[in-house]
Amino acid sequence: MAISKLPRKVKIFGRTTKKKYEGKVVEEVFEDQPTEDGVFRKMIQLIIWEGDRKGKDDFIRFGYYVKNKNQSDKNFMWGSQTSFLAPKKLVKKLIKKAEKKGIL
C-alpha cells in the first residue's frame, strides 16, 4: 500500500465517546529514518476537519509510515498505532517551551 497523494482522508475516533471525526491531511513534511530492518518515514501533518468539526481548530499530527528493508516506496504503511494529535496552537506552545528549555 503506497502513501496516497494529498489531500488524504483521515478518520479519528474519540477515545471515550467513540465518535468518528473525519478530515483531510492537506500538508505534511517528513524525514526518512533508515534502520537495519527498513525505513521509518517520520512526519508532521496538518489536518483540516470536515463534518461537525469543519471550521474549528486545525490539528497537527506526528506519526510515521514504515516499510521493510529493500522494499519500494509502494510498500509504506501507516505504522503509528497511537499518534500525537493536538490543536495547532497547542503544538506551537509546546515547541516554544521545548526550545526555551533546550530540548529542541
Protein backbone atom coordinates (compact mmCIF):
# COMPACT_ATOMS: atom_id res chain seq x y z
CA MET A 1 0.00 0.00 0.00
CA ALA A 2 1.60 3.24 -1.12
CA ILE A 3 1.19 6.58 0.60
CA SER A 4 -1.61 8.29 -1.32
CA LYS A 5 -1.28 11.84 -2.60
CA LEU A 6 -2.53 14.89 -0.71
CA PRO A 7 -5.16 15.74 0.25
CA ARG A 8 -5.52 12.39 2.03
CA LYS A 9 -8.66 11.43 4.00
CA VAL A 10 -8.26 10.65 7.67
CA LYS A 11 -10.66 9.25 10.30
CA ILE A 12 -10.09 9.54 14.01
CA PHE A 13 -12.28 8.16 16.79
CA GLY A 14 -12.92 9.78 20.19
CA ARG A 15 -11.17 7.88 22.97
CA THR A 16 -14.22 7.51 25.21
CA THR A 17 -17.09 8.69 23.02
CA LYS A 18 -16.04 6.55 20.02
CA LYS A 19 -17.37 9.41 17.88
CA LYS A 20 -15.87 9.44 14.39
CA TYR A 21 -14.12 12.60 13.20
CA GLU A 22 -13.26 12.96 9.54
CA GLY A 23 -10.83 15.31 7.90
CA LYS A 24 -8.05 15.61 5.38
CA VAL A 25 -4.30 15.72 5.65
CA VAL A 26 -3.65 18.78 3.49
CA GLU A 27 0.07 19.28 4.10
CA GLU A 28 2.94 17.28 5.54
CA VAL A 29 6.70 17.18 5.93
CA PHE A 30 8.78 14.07 6.51
CA GLU A 31 12.24 12.68 7.01
CA ASP A 32 13.19 9.07 6.39
CA GLN A 33 14.95 7.20 9.20
CA PRO A 34 16.72 4.12 7.79
CA THR A 35 17.27 1.20 10.18
CA GLU A 36 18.63 -2.33 9.82
CA ASP A 37 15.06 -3.62 9.31
CA GLY A 38 13.69 -0.96 7.00
CA VAL A 39 12.68 2.69 6.82
CA PHE A 40 10.56 4.78 9.18
CA ARG A 41 9.10 7.83 7.44
CA LYS A 42 8.62 10.27 10.34
CA MET A 43 6.11 13.02 9.58
CA ILE A 44 4.27 16.05 10.78
CA GLN A 45 0.86 16.53 9.16
CA LEU A 46 -1.67 19.36 9.03
CA ILE A 47 -5.25 18.06 9.36
CA ILE A 48 -8.28 20.12 8.38
CA TRP A 49 -11.56 18.77 9.77
CA GLU A 50 -14.82 18.12 7.91
CA GLY A 51 -18.36 17.47 9.13
CA ASP A 52 -19.14 18.53 12.73
CA ARG A 53 -15.62 19.92 13.28
CA LYS A 54 -15.39 21.84 9.99
CA GLY A 55 -14.09 25.36 10.59
CA LYS A 56 -12.79 24.51 14.07
CA ASP A 57 -9.12 24.33 15.09
CA ASP A 58 -6.75 22.76 12.58
CA PHE A 59 -4.77 19.90 14.11
CA ILE A 60 -1.16 18.78 13.84
CA ARG A 61 -0.35 15.06 13.89
CA PHE A 62 3.07 13.50 14.50
CA GLY A 63 3.26 9.96 13.13
CA TYR A 64 5.12 7.62 10.84
CA TYR A 65 4.89 5.21 7.95
CA VAL A 66 7.10 2.13 7.80
CA LYS A 67 8.39 -0.28 5.15
CA ASN A 68 10.71 -3.27 5.29
CA LYS A 69 14.28 -3.13 4.07
CA ASN A 70 14.74 -3.37 0.29
CA GLN A 71 11.05 -2.71 -0.45
CA SER A 72 9.87 0.03 -2.78
CA ASP A 73 8.02 3.12 -1.59
CA LYS A 74 4.77 1.41 -2.65
CA ASN A 75 5.14 -0.74 0.47
CA PHE A 76 4.95 2.05 3.06
CA MET A 77 2.10 1.51 5.54
CA TRP A 78 0.88 3.62 8.45
CA GLY A 79 2.86 2.48 11.48
CA SER A 80 1.63 4.79 14.24
CA GLN A 81 -0.75 2.80 16.42
CA THR A 82 -1.12 5.88 18.56
CA SER A 83 0.00 9.26 17.35
CA PHE A 84 0.37 12.69 18.86
CA LEU A 85 -2.55 14.81 17.65
CA ALA A 86 -3.30 18.28 19.00
CA PRO A 87 -4.63 21.69 18.01
CA LYS A 88 -2.10 23.74 16.07
CA LYS A 89 -1.95 26.43 18.81
CA LEU A 90 -1.08 23.85 21.48
CA VAL A 91 1.69 22.31 19.35
CA LYS A 92 3.23 25.76 18.82
CA LYS A 93 3.20 26.38 22.60
CA LEU A 94 4.86 23.01 23.29
CA ILE A 95 7.56 23.61 20.69
CA LYS A 96 8.32 27.08 22.10
CA LYS A 97 8.62 25.60 25.61
CA ALA A 98 10.89 22.81 24.34
CA GLU A 99 13.12 25.34 22.56
CA LYS A 100 13.28 27.51 25.68
CA LYS A 101 14.45 24.52 27.77
CA GLY A 102 16.98 23.40 25.14
CA ILE A 103 15.06 20.23 24.27
CA LEU A 104 14.84 21.37 20.65
